[in-house]
Structure formats: C-alpha cells, structure tokens
Amino acid sequence: MARKPPATDTRSKSQEAAQDADSHGATAAQTKPPRVIKKYPNRRLYDTQSSSYVTLTEIKQLVMEGHSFVVRDAKSGEDLTRSLLLQIILEEESAGVPMFTEAVLSNIIRFYGHAMQGHMGAYLESNLQSLMMMQSKMGHQQQNIMSQMQEQMQKQTAQFLSAFGLKP
C-alpha cells in the first residue's frame, strides 16, 4: 500500500506564497498557491501541476519566468526549496562565467554566525530588488546601468563591511 506524505501546514504554505509573491512584485496571477514539486529519494523531481518529472533546468526556467513553487520531500514533506535554489546557483556558478568572486563568497560566509547575519540577507535582497527595478525601467540601456549599479553596490558593500570591522 502506497504511503501518503504527511499533510503540510496550509498556513505556512500560504505565508510562503505571500512572501514569494511580495518579493516578485505580486500580480493577481501570482497570488495563486505555489505549484508543488516533490523530490523523491532517487533525486527525481515531480511537478504535481503538470503530472510529470522535471529536471533542474526546468525548475530554473520556472524561476526565470517568475513562477511560484515549493519543493517538498516526497516522504517527509520537508521544504527543500532553498536547497534546490542553492543547487541551481551552484551549477550556474560552475558552468561558465561566475557571478560571485571568491572574495564575495568569502565575505558572505563570514557573516554566518556574525551579529549582522540577519541584516546581511536583508541588505542583499534590497540591493537585488533595486537592481531589478532599475533593469526593468531602463530596458535596453541596462548594460551601462548594470555596470554603474555594480560599482555602486561594491562601494556600498565595502562601506557596510568596514563599518562592522570586516575586510571588504
């Protein structure tokens, strides 16, 4: 007899959906419940909406298109979304021109366990949201703006790190 995964807390699911929608500039279409991807012990990913197995590349495409989803362990129901997103980032960083330098990665690691750990996540999220807003407003002029934003973010990050006695 097949075993069903334990029921998940619907309140936390809706909170996750609301948080995800807020971080992507919610529209009416994005307020629907997130699609559920189940991860099985054999590491296969099953999209319950399309009733088919999907690859990591297809999950990346969902992210690129702004779809809301949650990845759950098929047996325990544990939320694995962050782990899967980090796996996508790792593959992207390994596959070509990395976005993060070793210095940036080292500084991020240094914030774990630091008193400012919670603030670092909010700081990065705020800067990325600003960058995305500018990018969408400027359309094709993005290359110039991207380099200016990158320079500005580097300056701000250096100031932020030096304010707390960390090496930029």
C-alpha atoms as a PDB file:
ATOM      1  CA  MET A   1       0.000   0.000   0.000  1.00  0.00           C
ATOM      2  CA  ALA A   2       1.412   3.373  -1.021  1.00  0.00           C
ATOM      3  CA  ARG A   3       2.114   5.765   1.787  1.00  0.00           C
ATOM      4  CA  LYS A   4       0.917   9.366   1.548  1.00  0.00           C
ATOM      5  CA  PRO A   5       3.237  12.154   2.675  1.00  0.00           C
ATOM      6  CA  PRO A   6       2.084  13.846   5.871  1.00  0.00           C
ATOM      7  CA  ALA A   7      -0.229  16.797   5.442  1.00  0.00           C
ATOM      8  CA  THR A   8       1.571  20.101   5.339  1.00  0.00           C
ATOM      9  CA  ASP A   9       0.616  23.175   7.309  1.00  0.00           C
ATOM     10  CA  THR A  10      -1.567  25.224   4.949  1.00  0.00           C
ATOM     11  CA  ARG A  11      -0.933  28.398   6.915  1.00  0.00           C
ATOM     12  CA  SER A  12       2.823  28.179   6.342  1.00  0.00           C
ATOM     13  CA  LYS A  13       2.262  27.395   2.657  1.00  0.00           C
ATOM     14  CA  SER A  14       0.131  30.489   2.208  1.00  0.00           C
ATOM     15  CA  GLN A  15       2.652  32.576   4.105  1.00  0.00           C
ATOM     16  CA  GLU A  16       5.402  31.246   1.827  1.00  0.00           C
ATOM     17  CA  ALA A  17       3.290  32.058  -1.233  1.00  0.00           C
ATOM     18  CA  ALA A  18       2.603  35.569   0.042  1.00  0.00           C
ATOM     19  CA  GLN A  19       6.278  36.143   0.817  1.00  0.00           C
ATOM     20  CA  ASP A  20       7.300  34.840  -2.615  1.00  0.00           C
ATOM     21  CA  ALA A  21       4.673  36.999  -4.311  1.00  0.00           C
ATOM     22  CA  ASP A  22       5.822  40.063  -2.368  1.00  0.00           C
ATOM     23  CA  SER A  23       9.422  39.503  -3.388  1.00  0.00           C
ATOM     24  CA  HIS A  24       8.451  39.297  -7.065  1.00  0.00           C
ATOM     25  CA  GLY A  25       6.045  42.247  -7.223  1.00  0.00           C
ATOM     26  CA  ALA A  26       2.782  40.323  -6.898  1.00  0.00           C
ATOM     27  CA  THR A  27       0.170  40.413  -9.592  1.00  0.00           C
ATOM     28  CA  ALA A  28      -3.234  38.770  -9.498  1.00  0.00           C
ATOM     29  CA  ALA A  29      -1.848  35.740 -11.355  1.00  0.00           C
ATOM     30  CA  GLN A  30       0.966  35.290  -8.839  1.00  0.00           C
ATOM     31  CA  THR A  31      -1.297  35.171  -5.782  1.00  0.00           C
ATOM     32  CA  LYS A  32      -2.495  31.648  -6.559  1.00  0.00           C
ATOM     33  CA  PRO A  33      -0.959  28.865  -4.450  1.00  0.00           C
ATOM     34  CA  PRO A  34       2.559  27.861  -5.476  1.00  0.00           C
ATOM     35  CA  ARG A  35       2.953  24.762  -7.614  1.00  0.00           C
ATOM     36  CA  VAL A  36       4.337  21.815  -5.694  1.00  0.00           C
ATOM     37  CA  ILE A  37       7.422  19.944  -6.818  1.00  0.00           C
ATOM     38  CA  LYS A  38       8.091  16.683  -4.987  1.00  0.00           C
ATOM     39  CA  LYS A  39      11.626  15.408  -4.592  1.00  0.00           C
ATOM     40  CA  TYR A  40      11.932  11.652  -4.309  1.00  0.00           C
ATOM     41  CA  PRO A  41      14.748   9.678  -2.653  1.00  0.00           C
ATOM     42  CA  ASN A  42      16.144   8.820  -6.097  1.00  0.00           C
ATOM     43  CA  ARG A  43      16.634  12.613  -6.534  1.00  0.00           C
ATOM     44  CA  ARG A  44      13.930  12.845  -9.202  1.00  0.00           C
ATOM     45  CA  LEU A  45      11.700  15.902  -9.184  1.00  0.00           C
ATOM     46  CA  TYR A  46       7.974  15.523  -9.849  1.00  0.00           C
ATOM     47  CA  ASP A  47       5.825  18.512 -10.798  1.00  0.00           C
ATOM     48  CA  THR A  48       2.365  17.862  -9.359  1.00  0.00           C
ATOM     49  CA  GLN A  49       0.800  20.521 -11.598  1.00  0.00           C
ATOM     50  CA  SER A  50       1.943  19.009 -14.892  1.00  0.00           C
ATOM     51  CA  SER A  51       1.979  15.437 -13.503  1.00  0.00           C
ATOM     52  CA  SER A  52       5.436  14.829 -14.912  1.00  0.00           C
ATOM     53  CA  TYR A  53       9.039  14.525 -13.857  1.00  0.00           C
ATOM     54  CA  VAL A  54      11.092  17.679 -14.357  1.00  0.00           C
ATOM     55  CA  THR A  55      14.782  18.497 -14.477  1.00  0.00           C
ATOM     56  CA  LEU A  56      16.763  21.105 -12.621  1.00  0.00           C
ATOM     57  CA  THR A  57      16.907  23.078 -15.869  1.00  0.00           C
ATOM     58  CA  GLU A  58      13.116  23.144 -16.000  1.00  0.00           C
ATOM     59  CA  ILE A  59      12.983  24.312 -12.373  1.00  0.00           C
ATOM     60  CA  LYS A  60      15.433  27.084 -13.300  1.00  0.00           C
ATOM     61  CA  GLN A  61      13.068  28.071 -16.125  1.00  0.00           C
ATOM     62  CA  LEU A  62      10.199  28.347 -13.602  1.00  0.00           C
ATOM     63  CA  VAL A  63      12.367  30.742 -11.583  1.00  0.00           C
ATOM     64  CA  MET A  64      13.285  32.748 -14.676  1.00  0.00           C
ATOM     65  CA  GLU A  65       9.608  33.074 -15.605  1.00  0.00           C
ATOM     66  CA  GLY A  66       8.682  34.189 -12.085  1.00  0.00           C
ATOM     67  CA  HIS A  67       6.502  31.177 -11.233  1.00  0.00           C
ATOM     68  CA  SER A  68       5.840  30.499  -7.573  1.00  0.00           C
ATOM     69  CA  PHE A  69       6.722  26.976  -6.453  1.00  0.00           C
ATOM     70  CA  VAL A  70       7.731  24.978  -3.421  1.00  0.00           C
ATOM     71  CA  VAL A  71       9.894  21.852  -3.396  1.00  0.00           C
ATOM     72  CA  ARG A  72       8.869  19.231  -0.838  1.00  0.00           C
ATOM     73  CA  ASP A  73      10.471  15.951   0.176  1.00  0.00           C
ATOM     74  CA  ALA A  74       8.079  13.286  -1.102  1.00  0.00           C
ATOM     75  CA  LYS A  75       8.259  11.240   2.115  1.00  0.00           C
ATOM     76  CA  SER A  76       8.571  13.755   4.937  1.00  0.00           C
ATOM     77  CA  GLY A  77       7.026  16.856   3.342  1.00  0.00           C
ATOM     78  CA  GLU A  78      10.078  18.883   4.414  1.00  0.00           C
ATOM     79  CA  ASP A  79      10.553  22.123   2.467  1.00  0.00           C
ATOM     80  CA  LEU A  80      13.593  21.723   0.193  1.00  0.00           C
ATOM     81  CA  THR A  81      13.057  24.858  -1.902  1.00  0.00           C
ATOM     82  CA  ARG A  82      16.115  26.743  -0.611  1.00  0.00           C
ATOM     83  CA  SER A  83      18.358  23.709  -1.110  1.00  0.00           C
ATOM     84  CA  LEU A  84      17.203  23.311  -4.690  1.00  0.00           C
ATOM     85  CA  LEU A  85      17.664  27.025  -5.440  1.00  0.00           C
ATOM     86  CA  LEU A  86      21.182  26.870  -3.985  1.00  0.00           C
ATOM     87  CA  GLN A  87      21.863  23.831  -6.169  1.00  0.00           C
ATOM     88  CA  ILE A  88      20.805  25.814  -9.244  1.00  0.00           C
ATOM     89  CA  ILE A  89      23.100  28.678  -8.214  1.00  0.00           C
ATOM     90  CA  LEU A  90      25.985  26.247  -7.678  1.00  0.00           C
ATOM     91  CA  GLU A  91      25.507  24.770 -11.148  1.00  0.00           C
ATOM     92  CA  GLU A  92      25.308  28.216 -12.718  1.00  0.00           C
ATOM     93  CA  GLU A  93      28.456  29.344 -10.887  1.00  0.00           C
ATOM     94  CA  SER A  94      30.309  26.215 -12.044  1.00  0.00           C
ATOM     95  CA  ALA A  95      29.093  26.297 -15.636  1.00  0.00           C
ATOM     96  CA  GLY A  96      30.557  29.447 -17.087  1.00  0.00           C
ATOM     97  CA  VAL A  97      31.222  32.978 -16.030  1.00  0.00           C
ATOM     98  CA  PRO A  98      30.579  33.077 -12.292  1.00  0.00           C
ATOM     99  CA  MET A  99      28.579  35.935 -10.816  1.00  0.00           C
ATOM    100  CA  PHE A 100      30.288  35.810  -7.428  1.00  0.00           C
ATOM    101  CA  THR A 101      34.000  36.284  -6.912  1.00  0.00           C
ATOM    102  CA  GLU A 102      35.842  34.272  -4.275  1.00  0.00           C
ATOM    103  CA  ALA A 103      36.061  37.448  -2.177  1.00  0.00           C
ATOM    104  CA  VAL A 104      32.277  37.923  -2.268  1.00  0.00           C
ATOM    105  CA  LEU A 105      31.653  34.284  -1.339  1.00  0.00           C
ATOM    106  CA  SER A 106      34.197  34.506   1.490  1.00  0.00           C
ATOM    107  CA  ASN A 107      32.538  37.633   2.856  1.00  0.00           C
ATOM    108  CA  ILE A 108      29.113  36.026   2.734  1.00  0.00           C
ATOM    109  CA  ILE A 109      30.470  33.040   4.669  1.00  0.00           C
ATOM    110  CA  ARG A 110      31.977  35.375   7.260  1.00  0.00           C
ATOM    111  CA  PHE A 111      28.521  36.743   8.030  1.00  0.00           C
ATOM    112  CA  TYR A 112      27.232  33.349   9.197  1.00  0.00           C
ATOM    113  CA  GLY A 113      27.224  33.438  12.978  1.00  0.00           C
ATOM    114  CA  HIS A 114      28.040  37.167  12.987  1.00  0.00           C
ATOM    115  CA  ALA A 115      25.720  39.562  14.799  1.00  0.00           C
ATOM    116  CA  MET A 116      24.856  41.142  11.458  1.00  0.00           C
ATOM    117  CA  GLN A 117      23.859  37.868   9.748  1.00  0.00           C
ATOM    118  CA  GLY A 118      20.168  38.771   9.604  1.00  0.00           C
ATOM    119  CA  HIS A 119      20.904  42.221   8.268  1.00  0.00           C
ATOM    120  CA  MET A 120      23.168  40.920   5.500  1.00  0.00           C
ATOM    121  CA  GLY A 121      20.341  38.914   3.916  1.00  0.00           C
ATOM    122  CA  ALA A 122      18.007  41.914   4.003  1.00  0.00           C
ATOM    123  CA  TYR A 123      20.774  44.135   2.608  1.00  0.00           C
ATOM    124  CA  LEU A 124      21.462  41.816  -0.321  1.00  0.00           C
ATOM    125  CA  GLU A 125      17.766  41.342  -1.035  1.00  0.00           C
ATOM    126  CA  SER A 126      17.150  45.102  -1.004  1.00  0.00           C
ATOM    127  CA  ASN A 127      20.031  45.747  -3.405  1.00  0.00           C
ATOM    128  CA  LEU A 128      18.915  42.996  -5.764  1.00  0.00           C
ATOM    129  CA  GLN A 129      15.359  44.339  -5.789  1.00  0.00           C
ATOM    130  CA  SER A 130      16.673  47.824  -6.583  1.00  0.00           C
ATOM    131  CA  LEU A 131      18.797  46.417  -9.381  1.00  0.00           C
ATOM    132  CA  MET A 132      15.831  44.514 -10.837  1.00  0.00           C
ATOM    133  CA  MET A 133      13.615  47.619 -10.689  1.00  0.00           C
ATOM    134  CA  MET A 134      16.225  49.708 -12.471  1.00  0.00           C
ATOM    135  CA  GLN A 135      16.755  46.981 -15.042  1.00  0.00           C
ATOM    136  CA  SER A 136      13.061  46.733 -15.848  1.00  0.00           C
ATOM    137  CA  LYS A 137      12.677  50.528 -16.072  1.00  0.00           C
ATOM    138  CA  MET A 138      15.607  51.037 -18.360  1.00  0.00           C
ATOM    139  CA  GLY A 139      15.119  48.169 -20.789  1.00  0.00           C
ATOM    140  CA  HIS A 140      17.897  48.168 -23.378  1.00  0.00           C
ATOM    141  CA  GLN A 141      20.097  50.665 -21.560  1.00  0.00           C
ATOM    142  CA  GLN A 142      20.786  48.016 -18.953  1.00  0.00           C
ATOM    143  CA  GLN A 143      24.463  47.355 -19.679  1.00  0.00           C
ATOM    144  CA  ASN A 144      25.506  50.880 -18.728  1.00  0.00           C
ATOM    145  CA  ILE A 145      23.261  50.867 -15.706  1.00  0.00           C
ATOM    146  CA  MET A 146      24.361  47.386 -14.685  1.00  0.00           C
ATOM    147  CA  SER A 147      27.990  48.446 -14.549  1.00  0.00           C
ATOM    148  CA  GLN A 148      27.083  51.618 -12.642  1.00  0.00           C
ATOM    149  CA  MET A 149      24.916  49.624 -10.214  1.00  0.00           C
ATOM    150  CA  GLN A 150      27.668  47.049  -9.773  1.00  0.00           C
ATOM    151  CA  GLU A 151      30.167  49.782  -8.923  1.00  0.00           C
ATOM    152  CA  GLN A 152      27.685  51.385  -6.519  1.00  0.00           C
ATOM    153  CA  MET A 153      26.925  48.048  -4.847  1.00  0.00           C
ATOM    154  CA  GLN A 154      30.644  47.344  -4.475  1.00  0.00           C
ATOM    155  CA  LYS A 155      31.157  50.724  -2.805  1.00  0.00           C
ATOM    156  CA  GLN A 156      28.162  50.230  -0.516  1.00  0.00           C
ATOM    157  CA  THR A 157      29.220  46.698   0.368  1.00  0.00           C
ATOM    158  CA  ALA A 158      32.751  47.869   1.186  1.00  0.00           C
ATOM    159  CA  GLN A 159      31.348  50.619   3.408  1.00  0.00           C
ATOM    160  CA  PHE A 160      28.935  48.183   5.061  1.00  0.00           C
ATOM    161  CA  LEU A 161      31.668  45.631   5.767  1.00  0.00           C
ATOM    162  CA  SER A 162      34.180  48.187   7.037  1.00  0.00           C
ATOM    163  CA  ALA A 163      31.543  49.670   9.355  1.00  0.00           C
ATOM    164  CA  PHE A 164      31.459  46.312  11.137  1.00  0.00           C
ATOM    165  CA  GLY A 165      35.173  45.668  11.084  1.00  0.00           C
ATOM    166  CA  LEU A 166      35.144  43.087   8.297  1.00  0.00           C
ATOM    167  CA  LYS A 167      37.500  43.112   5.337  1.00  0.00           C
ATOM    168  CA  PRO A 168      35.878  44.303   2.093  1.00  0.00           C
END
